[in-house]
Each structure stands twice: as structure tokens, then as C-alpha cells.
Amino acid sequence: PTKLVKEKIDETGIDVVTTTTLNKNTNLISPDEQIRRNGIESLKLLIDINVELGSTILGGVNYAAWGYLTRKPRIEKEWEWSVNAMREVAKYAQKKGNLIIAVECINRFETHFLNIAEDAVQYCKDVGTDNIKVHLDSFHMIREELSFRKAVEVCGKKYLGYVHVCENNRGIPGTGLVPWKEFFTALKGIRYAGPLVIESFDPSFEELNSLCAIWRKFADSGEILAVEGLRNLKAIAREIK
């Protein structure tokens, strides 16, 4: 599959970034050392694939299992486990090329580990490598952050490495509650120059729809969602002084 994807990439000339998640068998905050090792090796494999595809960023929930909740606040041991594992992963990525590892802070219903930008920045500082950055997603931000501007400024140009521009319902960007002008003004303020990626899901994609709680269509097709969303976001961006 990697070879086929690479052929399509070469045909279209598109820039490549990827997003991933870990599961219960590759969970970097599991008390089970073998499961944590599984997670490290899984991420190393993904790094190899990213390098082969020419990807510049590996984002997502790559620090813990997506959907893993202990029903308690994060504990110091979980932080230690994940940071130490990610440091090994990030150093491996450095040896392979210029791949950025971006950790996505997501909402409280999907993880207890990283919910806000402030914690994600501290995580990057504790990992301590130059290629570990923060991945912000407006779908999650509107649930967890007190201010889009402050979240972006907390990251700053040094730590913000990847951004998902998603509406609050994961529908067409620019049609919902996300404060786009505030968000884009803040990104411009820190001179963010990385990718802005629309992430959405279709209920026909059964493998993901139940995990992401996608129960209805937001557009007649994924192409329409992307085209209209991009048009809306470009119009908003043009208004930013």
C-alpha cells in the first residue's frame, strides 16, 4: 500500500502530512512495559512509512491510546512513561530525516492525558528534542481552551507544528461556532507557516464513524465539504489584517 500511495503522491505533487493514533495494544501510558514497547516500535514503523512517503509531519494521538480513559486525572507515572517513550521515538525520527512529531491535544472524552495547549507545550519541553511540536485542532480546542488566541500564543512559533482547521461539529469549516478570525489572527501573530488541514469524517466510513461519533452527513460528498470549507476559510483569512 505504501508504494501505491507514493505513486499517487508523485502523480499529483501534493504535500504530505499524516495523522495517527495508538490503541490499547500500543498505549504509551499503559502500566504494562511490553505494551509501551509495542507503541514505540509501532511509531518507529510509522516514521519509516512517513519518510518513504515524503511526509514532513506525523501528528495525532501518538502519546497514548486514543479513547483510553482511567476515569481519573493524569498521574505523574503516565507522564513519565509517555515522555520517555516519545523521546526515543523523536530521536529515531531525527536520525531518519526532517520529520516533525506533533502531539495533538484532544477533548476530555477521548483522553485524560493531553487536553490543552499548555500541557502539550510542557510535554514537548520535557521530551526535549527539536522535532517534537504541538498539534492543535479547532474541533477539540472549542471544547477545552478558554481562548483560541491564548492557546496559539502559549505554543508560539517554536512549539506549534501542525493545525487542523475543523468546525465544532466536524462539518464544513466556516459554518459553525469556531471563532475563525480570532484563530487566524493569532496564527498570523506568531507567524505560523505550517499546514492548515481540514479533518472531517463521513458516516459511510464505518471503521471510524463509531469511534468519532459521526452519525450524519455534513455535505453531499467529501469533495464538496473540502471545496466549500476551503473557500470559506480563504475568505476569512483574506479579512485578517
C-alpha atoms as a PDB file:
ATOM      1  CA  PRO A   1       0.000   0.000   0.000  1.00  0.00           C
ATOM      2  CA  THR A   2       2.817   2.450   0.781  1.00  0.00           C
ATOM      3  CA  LYS A   3       4.235   2.079  -2.724  1.00  0.00           C
ATOM      4  CA  LEU A   4       0.835   2.689  -4.330  1.00  0.00           C
ATOM      5  CA  VAL A   5       0.247   5.776  -2.184  1.00  0.00           C
ATOM      6  CA  LYS A   6       3.711   7.105  -3.066  1.00  0.00           C
ATOM      7  CA  GLU A   7       2.943   6.675  -6.766  1.00  0.00           C
ATOM      8  CA  LYS A   8      -0.227   8.775  -6.386  1.00  0.00           C
ATOM      9  CA  ILE A   9       1.683  11.392  -4.410  1.00  0.00           C
ATOM     10  CA  ASP A  10       4.246  11.654  -7.178  1.00  0.00           C
ATOM     11  CA  GLU A  11       1.489  11.893  -9.800  1.00  0.00           C
ATOM     12  CA  THR A  12      -0.318  14.746  -8.052  1.00  0.00           C
ATOM     13  CA  GLY A  13       2.626  16.556  -6.491  1.00  0.00           C
ATOM     14  CA  ILE A  14       0.759  17.130  -3.231  1.00  0.00           C
ATOM     15  CA  ASP A  15       2.500  17.868   0.057  1.00  0.00           C
ATOM     16  CA  VAL A  16       2.199  15.028   2.562  1.00  0.00           C
ATOM     17  CA  VAL A  17       1.430  15.089   6.274  1.00  0.00           C
ATOM     18  CA  THR A  18      -0.040  12.225   8.279  1.00  0.00           C
ATOM     19  CA  THR A  19      -2.075  11.711  11.422  1.00  0.00           C
ATOM     20  CA  THR A  20      -2.192   8.570  13.533  1.00  0.00           C
ATOM     21  CA  THR A  21      -3.493   7.150  16.800  1.00  0.00           C
ATOM     22  CA  LEU A  22      -2.344   4.484  19.207  1.00  0.00           C
ATOM     23  CA  ASN A  23      -4.592   1.724  20.584  1.00  0.00           C
ATOM     24  CA  LYS A  24      -4.809  -0.394  23.718  1.00  0.00           C
ATOM     25  CA  ASN A  25      -2.020  -2.653  22.461  1.00  0.00           C
ATOM     26  CA  THR A  26       0.357   0.231  21.688  1.00  0.00           C
ATOM     27  CA  ASN A  27      -0.519   2.555  24.564  1.00  0.00           C
ATOM     28  CA  LEU A  28       2.448   4.646  25.738  1.00  0.00           C
ATOM     29  CA  ILE A  29       0.816   5.265  29.130  1.00  0.00           C
ATOM     30  CA  SER A  30      -0.038   1.638  29.850  1.00  0.00           C
ATOM     31  CA  PRO A  31       1.306   0.222  33.134  1.00  0.00           C
ATOM     32  CA  ASP A  32       2.445  -2.754  31.037  1.00  0.00           C
ATOM     33  CA  GLU A  33       6.015  -2.218  29.844  1.00  0.00           C
ATOM     34  CA  GLN A  34       5.555  -4.547  26.858  1.00  0.00           C
ATOM     35  CA  ILE A  35       2.563  -2.569  25.614  1.00  0.00           C
ATOM     36  CA  ARG A  36       4.597   0.630  25.847  1.00  0.00           C
ATOM     37  CA  ARG A  37       7.382  -1.054  23.888  1.00  0.00           C
ATOM     38  CA  ASN A  38       4.811  -2.098  21.277  1.00  0.00           C
ATOM     39  CA  GLY A  39       3.832   1.554  20.976  1.00  0.00           C
ATOM     40  CA  ILE A  40       7.415   2.685  20.488  1.00  0.00           C
ATOM     41  CA  GLU A  41       8.044   0.112  17.778  1.00  0.00           C
ATOM     42  CA  SER A  42       4.730   0.925  16.086  1.00  0.00           C
ATOM     43  CA  LEU A  43       5.627   4.616  15.935  1.00  0.00           C
ATOM     44  CA  LYS A  44       9.080   3.805  14.561  1.00  0.00           C
ATOM     45  CA  LEU A  45       7.415   1.829  11.772  1.00  0.00           C
ATOM     46  CA  LEU A  46       5.122   4.778  11.061  1.00  0.00           C
ATOM     47  CA  ILE A  47       8.159   7.044  10.916  1.00  0.00           C
ATOM     48  CA  ASP A  48       9.704   4.763   8.300  1.00  0.00           C
ATOM     49  CA  ILE A  49       6.478   4.914   6.273  1.00  0.00           C
ATOM     50  CA  ASN A  50       6.310   8.703   6.593  1.00  0.00           C
ATOM     51  CA  VAL A  51       9.871   9.036   5.364  1.00  0.00           C
ATOM     52  CA  GLU A  52       9.114   6.763   2.405  1.00  0.00           C
ATOM     53  CA  LEU A  53       6.069   8.878   1.510  1.00  0.00           C
ATOM     54  CA  GLY A  54       7.989  12.128   1.831  1.00  0.00           C
ATOM     55  CA  SER A  55       5.829  13.279   4.738  1.00  0.00           C
ATOM     56  CA  THR A  56       7.002  16.216   6.845  1.00  0.00           C
ATOM     57  CA  ILE A  57       4.709  15.736   9.864  1.00  0.00           C
ATOM     58  CA  LEU A  58       3.371  12.812  11.888  1.00  0.00           C
ATOM     59  CA  GLY A  59       0.587  14.216  14.062  1.00  0.00           C
ATOM     60  CA  GLY A  60      -2.322  12.873  16.083  1.00  0.00           C
ATOM     61  CA  VAL A  61      -2.841  10.989  19.324  1.00  0.00           C
ATOM     62  CA  ASN A  62       0.608   9.448  19.288  1.00  0.00           C
ATOM     63  CA  TYR A  63       1.401   9.767  23.005  1.00  0.00           C
ATOM     64  CA  ALA A  64      -1.317   7.470  24.457  1.00  0.00           C
ATOM     65  CA  ALA A  65      -4.095   5.198  23.253  1.00  0.00           C
ATOM     66  CA  TRP A  66      -6.945   7.128  21.638  1.00  0.00           C
ATOM     67  CA  GLY A  67     -10.058   6.678  23.756  1.00  0.00           C
ATOM     68  CA  TYR A  68      -8.120   5.272  26.722  1.00  0.00           C
ATOM     69  CA  LEU A  69      -9.544   6.711  29.952  1.00  0.00           C
ATOM     70  CA  THR A  70      -8.698   5.684  33.502  1.00  0.00           C
ATOM     71  CA  ARG A  71     -11.615   7.704  34.920  1.00  0.00           C
ATOM     72  CA  LYS A  72      -9.021   9.589  36.959  1.00  0.00           C
ATOM     73  CA  PRO A  73      -6.818  12.620  36.275  1.00  0.00           C
ATOM     74  CA  ARG A  74      -3.447  12.032  34.650  1.00  0.00           C
ATOM     75  CA  ILE A  75      -0.788  10.778  37.054  1.00  0.00           C
ATOM     76  CA  GLU A  76       2.946  11.510  37.139  1.00  0.00           C
ATOM     77  CA  LYS A  77       3.880   7.966  36.204  1.00  0.00           C
ATOM     78  CA  GLU A  78       1.828   8.158  32.997  1.00  0.00           C
ATOM     79  CA  TRP A  79       3.594  11.395  32.109  1.00  0.00           C
ATOM     80  CA  GLU A  80       6.984   9.808  32.745  1.00  0.00           C
ATOM     81  CA  TRP A  81       6.161   6.715  30.676  1.00  0.00           C
ATOM     82  CA  SER A  82       4.930   8.691  27.692  1.00  0.00           C
ATOM     83  CA  VAL A  83       7.669  11.329  27.744  1.00  0.00           C
ATOM     84  CA  ASN A  84      10.430   8.731  27.937  1.00  0.00           C
ATOM     85  CA  ALA A  85       8.879   6.670  25.144  1.00  0.00           C
ATOM     86  CA  MET A  86       8.327   9.709  22.936  1.00  0.00           C
ATOM     87  CA  ARG A  87      11.898  10.859  23.452  1.00  0.00           C
ATOM     88  CA  GLU A  88      13.109   7.557  21.991  1.00  0.00           C
ATOM     89  CA  VAL A  89      10.658   7.885  19.099  1.00  0.00           C
ATOM     90  CA  ALA A  90      11.599  11.504  18.391  1.00  0.00           C
ATOM     91  CA  LYS A  91      15.314  10.703  18.373  1.00  0.00           C
ATOM     92  CA  TYR A  92      14.640   7.861  15.943  1.00  0.00           C
ATOM     93  CA  ALA A  93      12.792  10.310  13.687  1.00  0.00           C
ATOM     94  CA  GLN A  94      15.744  12.709  13.818  1.00  0.00           C
ATOM     95  CA  LYS A  95      18.046  10.001  12.513  1.00  0.00           C
ATOM     96  CA  LYS A  96      15.662   9.296   9.637  1.00  0.00           C
ATOM     97  CA  GLY A  97      15.306  12.847   8.344  1.00  0.00           C
ATOM     98  CA  ASN A  98      13.365  16.053   8.986  1.00  0.00           C
ATOM     99  CA  LEU A  99      10.080  14.571  10.204  1.00  0.00           C
ATOM    100  CA  ILE A 100       8.166  16.543  12.844  1.00  0.00           C
ATOM    101  CA  ILE A 101       6.309  14.577  15.532  1.00  0.00           C
ATOM    102  CA  ALA A 102       3.275  16.657  16.544  1.00  0.00           C
ATOM    103  CA  VAL A 103       1.248  15.726  19.645  1.00  0.00           C
ATOM    104  CA  GLU A 104      -2.460  16.531  19.395  1.00  0.00           C
ATOM    105  CA  CYS A 105      -4.260  17.763  22.492  1.00  0.00           C
ATOM    106  CA  ILE A 106      -7.825  16.441  22.256  1.00  0.00           C
ATOM    107  CA  ASN A 107     -11.027  16.680  24.265  1.00  0.00           C
ATOM    108  CA  ARG A 108     -11.630  15.143  27.685  1.00  0.00           C
ATOM    109  CA  PHE A 109     -13.994  12.496  26.325  1.00  0.00           C
ATOM    110  CA  GLU A 110     -11.202  10.952  24.246  1.00  0.00           C
ATOM    111  CA  THR A 111      -8.217  11.220  26.594  1.00  0.00           C
ATOM    112  CA  HIS A 112      -7.349  12.338  30.111  1.00  0.00           C
ATOM    113  CA  PHE A 113      -3.712  12.870  29.144  1.00  0.00           C
ATOM    114  CA  LEU A 114      -3.403  15.978  26.910  1.00  0.00           C
ATOM    115  CA  ASN A 115      -6.416  18.280  26.611  1.00  0.00           C
ATOM    116  CA  ILE A 116      -4.986  21.801  26.340  1.00  0.00           C
ATOM    117  CA  ALA A 117      -2.143  23.563  24.566  1.00  0.00           C
ATOM    118  CA  GLU A 118      -0.369  24.471  27.793  1.00  0.00           C
ATOM    119  CA  ASP A 119       0.055  20.810  28.730  1.00  0.00           C
ATOM    120  CA  ALA A 120       1.123  19.878  25.202  1.00  0.00           C
ATOM    121  CA  VAL A 121       3.848  22.533  25.270  1.00  0.00           C
ATOM    122  CA  GLN A 122       5.113  21.226  28.604  1.00  0.00           C
ATOM    123  CA  TYR A 123       5.133  17.726  27.142  1.00  0.00           C
ATOM    124  CA  CYS A 124       7.290  18.933  24.246  1.00  0.00           C
ATOM    125  CA  LYS A 125       9.659  20.665  26.647  1.00  0.00           C
ATOM    126  CA  ASP A 126      10.010  17.509  28.725  1.00  0.00           C
ATOM    127  CA  VAL A 127      10.676  15.342  25.666  1.00  0.00           C
ATOM    128  CA  GLY A 128      13.343  17.872  24.808  1.00  0.00           C
ATOM    129  CA  THR A 129      14.042  17.281  21.109  1.00  0.00           C
ATOM    130  CA  ASP A 130      13.761  19.926  18.399  1.00  0.00           C
ATOM    131  CA  ASN A 131      11.378  17.842  16.286  1.00  0.00           C
ATOM    132  CA  ILE A 132       8.571  17.439  18.852  1.00  0.00           C
ATOM    133  CA  LYS A 133       5.789  20.002  18.374  1.00  0.00           C
ATOM    134  CA  VAL A 134       2.150  20.697  19.277  1.00  0.00           C
ATOM    135  CA  HIS A 135      -0.776  19.716  17.050  1.00  0.00           C
ATOM    136  CA  LEU A 136      -3.821  21.970  17.573  1.00  0.00           C
ATOM    137  CA  ASP A 137      -7.285  21.003  16.316  1.00  0.00           C
ATOM    138  CA  SER A 138     -10.091  23.570  16.485  1.00  0.00           C
ATOM    139  CA  PHE A 139     -12.713  20.824  16.984  1.00  0.00           C
ATOM    140  CA  HIS A 140     -11.053  19.933  20.280  1.00  0.00           C
ATOM    141  CA  MET A 141      -9.984  23.479  21.158  1.00  0.00           C
ATOM    142  CA  ILE A 142     -13.545  24.790  21.248  1.00  0.00           C
ATOM    143  CA  ARG A 143     -14.310  22.205  23.928  1.00  0.00           C
ATOM    144  CA  GLU A 144     -11.223  22.666  26.089  1.00  0.00           C
ATOM    145  CA  GLU A 145      -9.492  26.022  25.608  1.00  0.00           C
ATOM    146  CA  LEU A 146     -10.668  29.252  27.217  1.00  0.00           C
ATOM    147  CA  SER A 147      -9.262  31.283  24.332  1.00  0.00           C
ATOM    148  CA  PHE A 148      -8.122  30.352  20.837  1.00  0.00           C
ATOM    149  CA  ARG A 149      -5.722  33.287  20.874  1.00  0.00           C
ATOM    150  CA  LYS A 150      -4.115  32.294  24.158  1.00  0.00           C
ATOM    151  CA  ALA A 151      -3.810  28.652  23.103  1.00  0.00           C
ATOM    152  CA  VAL A 152      -1.911  29.663  19.969  1.00  0.00           C
ATOM    153  CA  GLU A 153       0.255  32.143  21.850  1.00  0.00           C
ATOM    154  CA  VAL A 154       1.123  29.561  24.509  1.00  0.00           C
ATOM    155  CA  CYS A 155       2.538  27.394  21.734  1.00  0.00           C
ATOM    156  CA  GLY A 156       4.204  30.216  19.867  1.00  0.00           C
ATOM    157  CA  LYS A 157       6.167  29.708  16.677  1.00  0.00           C
ATOM    158  CA  LYS A 158       8.652  27.476  18.500  1.00  0.00           C
ATOM    159  CA  TYR A 159       6.193  24.757  19.508  1.00  0.00           C
ATOM    160  CA  LEU A 160       3.201  24.953  17.154  1.00  0.00           C
ATOM    161  CA  GLY A 161       3.892  22.467  14.373  1.00  0.00           C
ATOM    162  CA  TYR A 162       0.556  21.395  12.910  1.00  0.00           C
ATOM    163  CA  VAL A 163      -3.050  22.653  12.810  1.00  0.00           C
ATOM    164  CA  HIS A 164      -6.372  21.012  11.965  1.00  0.00           C
ATOM    165  CA  VAL A 165      -8.984  23.569  10.898  1.00  0.00           C
ATOM    166  CA  CYS A 166     -12.214  21.777  11.797  1.00  0.00           C
ATOM    167  CA  GLU A 167     -15.670  23.075  12.589  1.00  0.00           C
ATOM    168  CA  ASN A 168     -17.168  22.454  16.030  1.00  0.00           C
ATOM    169  CA  ASN A 169     -19.357  19.656  14.599  1.00  0.00           C
ATOM    170  CA  ARG A 170     -16.661  18.436  12.164  1.00  0.00           C
ATOM    171  CA  GLY A 171     -18.785  19.751   9.324  1.00  0.00           C
ATOM    172  CA  ILE A 172     -17.943  22.397   6.713  1.00  0.00           C
ATOM    173  CA  PRO A 173     -15.466  24.906   8.205  1.00  0.00           C
ATOM    174  CA  GLY A 174     -16.901  28.398   8.423  1.00  0.00           C
ATOM    175  CA  THR A 175     -20.487  27.294   9.067  1.00  0.00           C
ATOM    176  CA  GLY A 176     -20.377  26.748  12.829  1.00  0.00           C
ATOM    177  CA  LEU A 177     -19.143  28.133  16.129  1.00  0.00           C
ATOM    178  CA  VAL A 178     -15.348  28.186  15.785  1.00  0.00           C
ATOM    179  CA  PRO A 179     -14.006  31.789  16.134  1.00  0.00           C
ATOM    180  CA  TRP A 180     -12.043  31.695  12.903  1.00  0.00           C
ATOM    181  CA  LYS A 181     -10.994  35.349  12.832  1.00  0.00           C
ATOM    182  CA  GLU A 182      -9.562  35.113  16.338  1.00  0.00           C
ATOM    183  CA  PHE A 183      -7.846  31.848  15.459  1.00  0.00           C
ATOM    184  CA  PHE A 184      -6.316  33.059  12.190  1.00  0.00           C
ATOM    185  CA  THR A 185      -5.276  36.389  13.702  1.00  0.00           C
ATOM    186  CA  ALA A 186      -3.427  34.524  16.440  1.00  0.00           C
ATOM    187  CA  LEU A 187      -1.737  32.217  13.926  1.00  0.00           C
ATOM    188  CA  LYS A 188      -0.633  35.233  11.913  1.00  0.00           C
ATOM    189  CA  GLY A 189       0.572  36.874  15.111  1.00  0.00           C
ATOM    190  CA  ILE A 190       3.047  34.087  15.855  1.00  0.00           C
ATOM    191  CA  ARG A 191       3.972  33.802  12.151  1.00  0.00           C
ATOM    192  CA  TYR A 192       2.781  30.230  11.891  1.00  0.00           C
ATOM    193  CA  ALA A 193       3.783  28.919   8.468  1.00  0.00           C
ATOM    194  CA  GLY A 194       2.807  25.250   8.742  1.00  0.00           C
ATOM    195  CA  PRO A 195      -0.105  23.401   7.140  1.00  0.00           C
ATOM    196  CA  LEU A 196      -3.777  24.059   7.899  1.00  0.00           C
ATOM    197  CA  VAL A 197      -5.647  20.814   7.269  1.00  0.00           C
ATOM    198  CA  ILE A 198      -9.405  20.200   7.177  1.00  0.00           C
ATOM    199  CA  GLU A 199     -10.192  16.960   9.009  1.00  0.00           C
ATOM    200  CA  SER A 200     -13.678  15.528   8.697  1.00  0.00           C
ATOM    201  CA  PHE A 201     -15.325  12.115   8.524  1.00  0.00           C
ATOM    202  CA  ASP A 202     -18.130  10.507   6.561  1.00  0.00           C
ATOM    203  CA  PRO A 203     -20.650   8.144   8.204  1.00  0.00           C
ATOM    204  CA  SER A 204     -20.108   5.645   5.383  1.00  0.00           C
ATOM    205  CA  PHE A 205     -16.575   5.066   6.691  1.00  0.00           C
ATOM    206  CA  GLU A 206     -17.736   2.504   9.237  1.00  0.00           C
ATOM    207  CA  GLU A 207     -14.301   1.813  10.682  1.00  0.00           C
ATOM    208  CA  LEU A 208     -14.083   5.348  12.061  1.00  0.00           C
ATOM    209  CA  ASN A 209     -17.626   6.695  12.332  1.00  0.00           C
ATOM    210  CA  SER A 210     -18.479   4.985  15.615  1.00  0.00           C
ATOM    211  CA  LEU A 211     -15.148   5.956  17.174  1.00  0.00           C
ATOM    212  CA  CYS A 212     -15.580   9.587  16.126  1.00  0.00           C
ATOM    213  CA  ALA A 213     -19.341   9.635  16.850  1.00  0.00           C
ATOM    214  CA  ILE A 214     -20.200  10.669  13.283  1.00  0.00           C
ATOM    215  CA  TRP A 215     -23.895   9.877  12.829  1.00  0.00           C
ATOM    216  CA  ARG A 216     -24.900  12.162   9.952  1.00  0.00           C
ATOM    217  CA  LYS A 217     -23.536  13.596   6.728  1.00  0.00           C
ATOM    218  CA  PHE A 218     -22.311  17.189   6.748  1.00  0.00           C
ATOM    219  CA  ALA A 219     -22.169  17.515   2.956  1.00  0.00           C
ATOM    220  CA  ASP A 220     -23.249  15.531  -0.081  1.00  0.00           C
ATOM    221  CA  SER A 221     -19.663  14.395  -0.569  1.00  0.00           C
ATOM    222  CA  GLY A 222     -16.222  14.732   0.936  1.00  0.00           C
ATOM    223  CA  GLU A 223     -15.164  16.779  -2.061  1.00  0.00           C
ATOM    224  CA  ILE A 224     -17.964  19.301  -1.515  1.00  0.00           C
ATOM    225  CA  LEU A 225     -17.057  19.596   2.163  1.00  0.00           C
ATOM    226  CA  ALA A 226     -13.413  20.217   1.280  1.00  0.00           C
ATOM    227  CA  VAL A 227     -14.098  22.690  -1.531  1.00  0.00           C
ATOM    228  CA  GLU A 228     -16.679  24.735   0.388  1.00  0.00           C
ATOM    229  CA  GLY A 229     -14.655  24.599   3.587  1.00  0.00           C
ATOM    230  CA  LEU A 230     -11.517  25.803   1.835  1.00  0.00           C
ATOM    231  CA  ARG A 231     -13.464  28.578   0.114  1.00  0.00           C
ATOM    232  CA  ASN A 232     -14.878  29.742   3.458  1.00  0.00           C
ATOM    233  CA  LEU A 233     -11.521  29.652   5.221  1.00  0.00           C
ATOM    234  CA  LYS A 234      -9.758  31.534   2.438  1.00  0.00           C
ATOM    235  CA  ALA A 235     -12.417  34.251   2.577  1.00  0.00           C
ATOM    236  CA  ILE A 236     -11.969  34.589   6.332  1.00  0.00           C
ATOM    237  CA  ALA A 237      -8.176  34.638   6.023  1.00  0.00           C
ATOM    238  CA  ARG A 238      -8.353  37.483   3.499  1.00  0.00           C
ATOM    239  CA  GLU A 239     -10.094  39.621   6.123  1.00  0.00           C
ATOM    240  CA  ILE A 240      -7.220  39.266   8.584  1.00  0.00           C
ATOM    241  CA  LYS A 241      -5.087  42.412   8.643  1.00  0.00           C
END
